Amino acid sequence: MDYGHFLKYMTVIVELEKEKMTIKSVVSSVKSEIVGKEREYYERIGMPPIPPSYLDEPPPLSTYSDGVKAAFHKYINNVGWLLAALLVVVTVMYVLIDGYFEYKHLIINNSIYRRFYQSASQAYPKQRERHDREMEVFRHKSTALKGELAQLKSSIQIILDTLEKTYDKTDRLLQDYYALDLIPKGYRDFVPVCMFYDYLSSKRTYSLYRNPNGSDPGAINMYEDEKDRRIIMTKLDSIISNLKSIQVRQSYLYDAITDSTAESNRIMTSISQSLSDGNNALAYNNYLNEVNNAQNRYRNDLLTRMYYGY
């Protein structure tokens, strides 16, 4: 294949790789949009109202006589009757004094608790009634917002399905172009093909391979040489993380990535606006039409190349 036809072939390859990157970015953003909308709606729903607590009737408190009997039996079991008889006077005096103050304390606490219980018992029915009303409002709000969320997620899912189908079509067409076997398998990726196109379009080389009859090193050799000498970066994740660092030495690759990012942001803005105000996503629909039209041209061109063998 001559230089002119090969450059056109590489143009299509690069454009399809860029479209894949753009669509992949938009798909990722749309999936994040679904997660964000779910979080937003559940924050709007909030937590259900807390029901009022119901107090049980307080149990009967221990009496003074119960305390005396328990103490007496404890001494008997521990030291026997004879020693118990010797200690009974001391025990009785201690129990009388200590038990009296303990019993008074129990009586006071019992009186306070019962007054609180009576007040709480009287307020409980009204609190329960208010809680039931609030719960009914919460149920209506929750049902309405969940229905709204389900409808929104359905709209987003339609967009997501369309994008994923477009991505699959783009990838299949790209693989058909790669199947012409003009580019070795190890170089069929976004970064290498962008660099090959850069070398070819700037006429630093006129083919992929070294020309044995001249000084043309070929795009592959140039790529490998610059990679080994660390003149260029070849890992896409590292490139995206340090995009400014390639702006001079890999200007075409830099422009391709920034163009793809700008395009994906524009499409995502269009989608977000259409979801928020219900209007048609004009930029998004125009993009899909442009991609579809371009792919039809590429597909026809591919059939022509395969027929004529170039």
Protein backbone atom coordinates (compact mmCIF):
# COMPACT_ATOMS: atom_id res chain seq x y z
CA MET A 1 0.00 0.00 0.00
CA ASP A 2 1.36 3.41 -0.97
CA TYR A 3 1.94 6.22 1.49
CA GLY A 4 -1.24 8.17 0.64
CA HIS A 5 -3.60 5.22 1.05
CA PHE A 6 -1.83 4.04 4.19
CA LEU A 7 -2.13 7.49 5.78
CA LYS A 8 -5.90 7.46 5.11
CA TYR A 9 -6.06 3.99 6.65
CA MET A 10 -4.23 5.22 9.75
CA THR A 11 -6.57 8.21 9.96
CA VAL A 12 -9.54 5.87 10.29
CA ILE A 13 -7.72 3.71 12.84
CA VAL A 14 -6.92 6.72 15.01
CA GLU A 15 -10.46 8.12 14.75
CA LEU A 16 -11.98 4.80 15.81
CA GLU A 17 -9.57 4.50 18.73
CA LYS A 18 -10.51 8.05 19.80
CA GLU A 19 -14.22 7.22 19.56
CA LYS A 20 -13.70 4.20 21.78
CA MET A 21 -11.93 6.35 24.37
CA THR A 22 -14.65 9.00 24.23
CA ILE A 23 -17.53 6.57 24.55
CA LYS A 24 -15.80 4.64 27.32
CA SER A 25 -15.37 7.87 29.28
CA VAL A 26 -19.04 8.82 28.80
CA VAL A 27 -20.19 5.34 29.83
CA SER A 28 -18.13 5.62 33.02
CA SER A 29 -19.63 9.06 33.74
CA VAL A 30 -23.18 7.80 33.12
CA LYS A 31 -22.65 4.92 35.55
CA SER A 32 -21.39 7.41 38.13
CA GLU A 33 -24.47 9.52 37.42
CA ILE A 34 -26.70 6.57 38.38
CA VAL A 35 -24.83 6.12 41.68
CA GLY A 36 -24.97 9.85 42.37
CA LYS A 37 -28.70 10.07 41.67
CA GLU A 38 -29.40 7.13 43.99
CA ARG A 39 -27.42 8.78 46.79
CA GLU A 40 -29.15 12.12 46.17
CA TYR A 41 -32.64 10.62 46.28
CA TYR A 42 -32.03 8.56 49.42
CA GLU A 43 -30.68 11.67 51.12
CA ARG A 44 -33.92 13.43 50.17
CA ILE A 45 -35.97 10.54 51.55
CA GLY A 46 -34.11 10.67 54.86
CA MET A 47 -34.65 8.45 57.90
CA PRO A 48 -38.10 7.36 59.13
CA PRO A 49 -39.42 9.04 62.30
CA ILE A 50 -38.36 7.37 65.56
CA PRO A 51 -41.31 5.80 67.43
CA PRO A 52 -41.93 6.86 71.06
CA SER A 53 -40.73 4.44 73.74
CA TYR A 54 -43.31 2.73 75.94
CA LEU A 55 -42.58 2.39 79.67
CA ASP A 56 -43.51 -0.82 81.49
CA GLU A 57 -45.16 -0.75 84.93
CA PRO A 58 -42.34 -0.52 87.51
CA PRO A 59 -41.74 -3.77 89.46
CA PRO A 60 -42.48 -3.83 93.22
CA LEU A 61 -39.52 -2.78 95.31
CA SER A 62 -37.98 -4.92 98.06
CA THR A 63 -39.43 -4.24 101.52
CA TYR A 64 -37.61 -3.65 104.78
CA SER A 65 -38.72 -6.99 106.24
CA ASP A 66 -37.49 -8.85 103.13
CA GLY A 67 -34.07 -7.31 103.62
CA VAL A 68 -33.95 -8.39 107.30
CA LYS A 69 -34.97 -11.98 106.50
CA ALA A 70 -32.42 -12.28 103.68
CA ALA A 71 -29.59 -10.99 105.85
CA PHE A 72 -30.53 -13.33 108.76
CA HIS A 73 -30.63 -16.43 106.56
CA LYS A 74 -27.31 -15.46 104.99
CA TYR A 75 -25.60 -15.40 108.38
CA ILE A 76 -27.17 -18.70 109.39
CA ASN A 77 -26.01 -20.47 106.23
CA ASN A 78 -22.49 -19.09 106.54
CA VAL A 79 -21.63 -19.38 110.25
CA GLY A 80 -24.18 -21.75 111.79
CA TRP A 81 -26.73 -21.31 114.61
CA LEU A 82 -24.35 -20.78 117.55
CA LEU A 83 -22.30 -18.07 115.96
CA ALA A 84 -25.45 -16.60 114.46
CA ALA A 85 -26.90 -16.28 117.94
CA LEU A 86 -23.82 -14.35 119.06
CA LEU A 87 -23.96 -12.07 116.06
CA VAL A 88 -27.72 -11.65 115.96
CA VAL A 89 -27.73 -8.50 118.08
CA VAL A 90 -25.03 -6.85 115.97
CA THR A 91 -26.73 -8.03 112.80
CA VAL A 92 -30.12 -6.76 113.84
CA MET A 93 -28.72 -3.36 114.76
CA TYR A 94 -26.80 -3.10 111.52
CA VAL A 95 -29.74 -4.24 109.42
CA LEU A 96 -32.09 -1.90 111.27
CA ILE A 97 -29.90 1.13 110.69
CA ASP A 98 -28.67 0.31 107.20
CA GLY A 99 -31.99 -1.15 106.10
CA TYR A 100 -33.88 1.90 107.26
CA PHE A 101 -31.87 4.30 105.14
CA GLU A 102 -31.86 1.89 102.19
CA TYR A 103 -35.61 1.49 102.46
CA LYS A 104 -36.13 5.25 102.58
CA HIS A 105 -33.99 5.58 99.49
CA LEU A 106 -36.06 2.94 97.69
CA ILE A 107 -39.29 4.63 98.70
CA ILE A 108 -38.12 7.99 97.36
CA ASN A 109 -36.91 6.49 94.08
CA ASN A 110 -40.09 4.49 93.76
CA SER A 111 -42.19 7.62 94.21
CA ILE A 112 -40.19 9.56 91.61
CA TYR A 113 -40.30 6.72 89.08
CA ARG A 114 -44.03 6.20 89.46
CA ARG A 115 -44.74 9.89 88.93
CA PHE A 116 -42.56 9.83 85.81
CA TYR A 117 -44.26 6.63 84.63
CA GLN A 118 -47.74 8.11 85.07
CA SER A 119 -46.74 11.25 83.14
CA ALA A 120 -45.14 9.24 80.35
CA SER A 121 -48.11 6.86 80.14
CA GLN A 122 -50.50 9.76 79.75
CA ALA A 123 -48.35 11.33 76.98
CA TYR A 124 -47.71 8.08 75.09
CA PRO A 125 -51.02 7.86 73.13
CA LYS A 126 -50.59 11.38 71.72
CA GLN A 127 -46.94 10.71 70.91
CA ARG A 128 -47.90 7.49 69.17
CA GLU A 129 -50.63 9.24 67.20
CA ARG A 130 -48.19 11.97 66.09
CA HIS A 131 -45.62 9.32 65.11
CA ASP A 132 -48.22 7.46 63.02
CA ARG A 133 -49.07 10.68 61.14
CA GLU A 134 -45.38 11.42 60.53
CA MET A 135 -44.83 7.84 59.40
CA GLU A 136 -47.67 8.09 56.91
CA VAL A 137 -46.16 11.28 55.45
CA PHE A 138 -42.76 9.57 55.28
CA ARG A 139 -44.24 6.57 53.44
CA HIS A 140 -45.90 8.79 50.83
CA LYS A 141 -42.72 10.81 50.35
CA SER A 142 -40.57 7.68 50.15
CA THR A 143 -42.89 6.00 47.63
CA ALA A 144 -43.04 9.11 45.42
CA LEU A 145 -39.27 9.67 45.43
CA LYS A 146 -38.50 6.00 44.82
CA GLY A 147 -40.89 6.04 41.86
CA GLU A 148 -39.23 9.18 40.54
CA LEU A 149 -35.80 7.59 41.00
CA ALA A 150 -36.87 4.40 39.20
CA GLN A 151 -38.12 6.45 36.24
CA LEU A 152 -34.89 8.45 36.12
CA LYS A 153 -32.74 5.32 36.34
CA SER A 154 -34.77 3.81 33.50
CA SER A 155 -34.03 6.88 31.33
CA ILE A 156 -30.34 6.73 32.22
CA GLN A 157 -30.23 2.99 31.49
CA ILE A 158 -31.61 3.57 27.98
CA ILE A 159 -28.80 6.07 27.35
CA LEU A 160 -26.25 3.67 28.83
CA ASP A 161 -27.47 0.78 26.66
CA THR A 162 -27.24 2.97 23.53
CA LEU A 163 -23.71 4.06 24.40
CA GLU A 164 -22.55 0.51 25.07
CA LYS A 165 -24.02 -0.67 21.76
CA THR A 166 -22.26 2.21 20.00
CA TYR A 167 -19.01 1.25 21.72
CA ASP A 168 -19.39 -2.38 20.61
CA LYS A 169 -20.08 -1.31 17.00
CA THR A 170 -17.05 0.97 17.05
CA ASP A 171 -14.83 -1.77 18.43
CA ARG A 172 -16.06 -4.35 15.90
CA LEU A 173 -15.39 -1.95 13.02
CA LEU A 174 -11.94 -1.16 14.42
CA GLN A 175 -11.15 -4.87 14.69
CA ASP A 176 -12.23 -5.32 11.07
CA TYR A 177 -9.72 -2.64 10.08
CA TYR A 178 -7.02 -4.24 12.19
CA ALA A 179 -7.88 -7.57 10.55
CA LEU A 180 -6.36 -6.26 7.31
CA ASP A 181 -3.16 -7.10 9.17
CA LEU A 182 -1.30 -3.94 8.20
CA ILE A 183 -0.38 -3.18 11.83
CA PRO A 184 1.29 -5.90 13.96
CA LYS A 185 -0.88 -7.15 16.84
CA GLY A 186 1.42 -5.82 19.54
CA TYR A 187 0.83 -2.26 18.34
CA ARG A 188 -2.96 -2.28 17.96
CA ASP A 189 -3.67 0.17 20.73
CA PHE A 190 -4.45 3.86 21.21
CA VAL A 191 -0.95 5.15 22.06
CA PRO A 192 1.07 3.30 19.37
CA VAL A 193 -1.33 4.08 16.50
CA CYS A 194 -1.47 7.76 17.50
CA MET A 195 2.32 7.90 17.48
CA PHE A 196 2.47 6.07 14.12
CA TYR A 197 0.04 8.56 12.64
CA ASP A 198 2.06 11.43 14.06
CA TYR A 199 5.25 10.12 12.45
CA LEU A 200 3.50 9.51 9.13
CA SER A 201 1.45 12.72 8.93
CA SER A 202 4.50 14.85 9.77
CA LYS A 203 6.43 12.91 7.07
CA ARG A 204 9.15 11.88 9.47
CA THR A 205 8.58 8.46 7.93
CA TYR A 206 6.51 7.06 5.05
CA SER A 207 5.77 3.53 6.21
CA LEU A 208 5.57 1.31 9.29
CA TYR A 209 8.70 -0.64 8.47
CA ARG A 210 12.30 0.34 7.68
CA ASN A 211 13.02 0.95 4.01
CA PRO A 212 15.98 -1.28 3.12
CA ASN A 213 16.79 0.90 0.11
CA GLY A 214 16.84 4.24 1.92
CA SER A 215 17.24 6.04 5.22
CA ASP A 216 13.55 5.83 6.26
CA PRO A 217 13.57 4.04 9.65
CA GLY A 218 9.82 3.24 9.65
CA ALA A 219 7.23 4.22 12.26
CA ILE A 220 7.64 1.08 14.36
CA ASN A 221 11.40 1.51 14.71
CA MET A 222 10.97 5.20 15.53
CA TYR A 223 8.40 4.34 18.20
CA GLU A 224 10.56 1.64 19.79
CA ASP A 225 13.67 3.84 19.68
CA GLU A 226 11.93 6.80 21.36
CA LYS A 227 10.35 4.50 23.93
CA ASP A 228 13.70 2.90 24.81
CA ARG A 229 15.35 6.31 25.09
CA ARG A 230 12.41 7.51 27.22
CA ILE A 231 11.74 10.36 24.88
CA ILE A 232 8.07 9.40 24.81
CA MET A 233 5.61 7.86 27.28
CA THR A 234 3.68 4.77 26.21
CA LYS A 235 1.46 3.81 29.18
CA LEU A 236 -1.93 5.44 28.71
CA ASP A 237 -2.78 5.63 32.43
CA SER A 238 0.53 7.36 33.18
CA ILE A 239 0.05 9.68 30.21
CA ILE A 240 -3.42 10.75 31.35
CA SER A 241 -2.13 11.33 34.88
CA ASN A 242 0.74 13.50 33.55
CA LEU A 243 -0.82 14.88 30.40
CA LYS A 244 1.07 18.17 30.38
CA SER A 245 4.37 16.31 30.26
CA ILE A 246 3.70 15.03 26.70
CA GLN A 247 2.38 18.29 25.26
CA VAL A 248 5.62 19.07 23.40
CA ARG A 249 7.15 15.74 22.41
CA GLN A 250 3.87 13.90 21.80
CA SER A 251 1.71 16.80 20.68
CA TYR A 252 -0.59 14.77 18.43
CA LEU A 253 -1.29 12.26 21.19
CA TYR A 254 -1.84 15.14 23.61
CA ASP A 255 -4.36 16.74 21.23
CA ALA A 256 -6.14 13.43 20.67
CA ILE A 257 -6.62 12.85 24.41
CA THR A 258 -7.68 16.43 25.16
CA ASP A 259 -10.12 16.39 22.22
CA SER A 260 -11.61 13.11 23.45
CA THR A 261 -11.92 14.47 27.00
CA ALA A 262 -13.58 17.67 25.79
CA GLU A 263 -15.99 15.67 23.62
CA SER A 264 -16.94 13.32 26.45
CA ASN A 265 -17.48 16.27 28.81
CA ARG A 266 -19.69 18.01 26.23
CA ILE A 267 -21.78 14.87 25.71
CA MET A 268 -22.10 14.25 29.45
CA THR A 269 -23.21 17.85 30.03
CA SER A 270 -25.89 17.38 27.39
CA ILE A 271 -27.07 14.15 29.01
CA SER A 272 -27.15 15.67 32.51
CA GLN A 273 -29.11 18.69 31.36
CA SER A 274 -31.65 16.52 29.56
CA LEU A 275 -32.14 14.42 32.70
CA SER A 276 -32.60 17.47 34.93
CA ASP A 277 -34.98 19.52 32.78
CA GLY A 278 -36.52 16.83 30.58
CA ASN A 279 -35.36 18.42 27.32
CA ASN A 280 -33.87 16.53 24.43
CA ALA A 281 -30.12 15.87 24.70
CA LEU A 282 -29.27 17.66 21.45
CA ALA A 283 -25.47 17.44 21.66
CA TYR A 284 -25.67 13.77 22.67
CA ASN A 285 -28.02 12.87 19.81
CA ASN A 286 -25.95 14.84 17.31
CA TYR A 287 -22.85 13.02 18.48
CA LEU A 288 -24.48 9.61 17.98
CA ASN A 289 -25.59 10.63 14.49
CA GLU A 290 -22.09 11.83 13.63
CA VAL A 291 -20.55 8.60 14.89
CA ASN A 292 -23.06 6.52 12.95
CA ASN A 293 -22.49 8.47 9.73
CA ALA A 294 -18.71 8.28 10.10
CA GLN A 295 -18.86 4.55 10.74
CA ASN A 296 -20.96 4.02 7.62
CA ARG A 297 -18.27 5.84 5.60
CA TYR A 298 -15.51 3.84 7.25
CA ARG A 299 -17.36 0.58 6.61
CA ASN A 300 -17.89 1.39 2.93
CA ASP A 301 -14.24 2.43 2.65
CA LEU A 302 -13.18 -0.83 4.28
CA LEU A 303 -15.19 -2.87 1.78
CA THR A 304 -13.57 -0.90 -1.04
CA ARG A 305 -10.09 -1.54 0.37
CA MET A 306 -10.78 -5.24 0.77
CA TYR A 307 -12.18 -5.48 -2.77
CA TYR A 308 -9.33 -3.66 -4.44
CA GLY A 309 -6.71 -5.09 -2.12
CA TYR A 310 -5.16 -1.92 -0.73
